[in-house]
C-alpha atoms as a PDB file:
ATOM      1  CA  ILE A   1      -1.316  10.736  11.838  1.00  0.00           C
ATOM      2  CA  LYS A   2      -1.960  11.694   8.236  1.00  0.00           C
ATOM      3  CA  THR A   3       1.660  11.042   7.290  1.00  0.00           C
ATOM      4  CA  SER A   4       1.517   7.615   8.939  1.00  0.00           C
ATOM      5  CA  ASP A   5      -1.682   6.787   7.048  1.00  0.00           C
ATOM      6  CA  SER A   6       0.001   7.785   3.801  1.00  0.00           C
ATOM      7  CA  ILE A   7       2.956   5.496   4.498  1.00  0.00           C
ATOM      8  CA  ILE A   8       0.651   2.621   5.459  1.00  0.00           C
ATOM      9  CA  ASN A   9      -1.585   3.143   2.434  1.00  0.00           C
ATOM     10  CA  LYS A  10       1.395   3.394   0.076  1.00  0.00           C
ATOM     11  CA  GLY A  11       2.914   0.243   1.569  1.00  0.00           C
ATOM     12  CA  PHE A  12      -0.443  -1.492   1.175  1.00  0.00           C
ATOM     13  CA  LEU A  13      -0.702  -0.427  -2.461  1.00  0.00           C
ATOM     14  CA  THR A  14       2.847  -1.533  -3.211  1.00  0.00           C
ATOM     15  CA  THR A  15       2.527  -4.945  -1.527  1.00  0.00           C
ATOM     16  CA  VAL A  16      -1.056  -6.216  -1.413  1.00  0.00           C
ATOM     17  CA  VAL A  17      -2.394  -4.788  -4.671  1.00  0.00           C
ATOM     18  CA  PRO A  18       0.459  -6.204  -6.817  1.00  0.00           C
ATOM     19  CA  GLN A  19      -0.204  -9.650  -5.327  1.00  0.00           C
ATOM     20  CA  ILE A  20      -3.904  -9.410  -6.187  1.00  0.00           C
ATOM     21  CA  THR A  21      -3.381  -8.012  -9.682  1.00  0.00           C
ATOM     22  CA  GLY A  22      -0.444 -10.314 -10.399  1.00  0.00           C
ATOM     23  CA  PHE A  23       2.142  -7.564 -10.671  1.00  0.00           C
END
């Protein structure tokens, strides 16, 4: 479960955050 959360969180950081910050 923890590994899945890490993958989901990393995917979130690499997709959603860049869109919000403009990167």
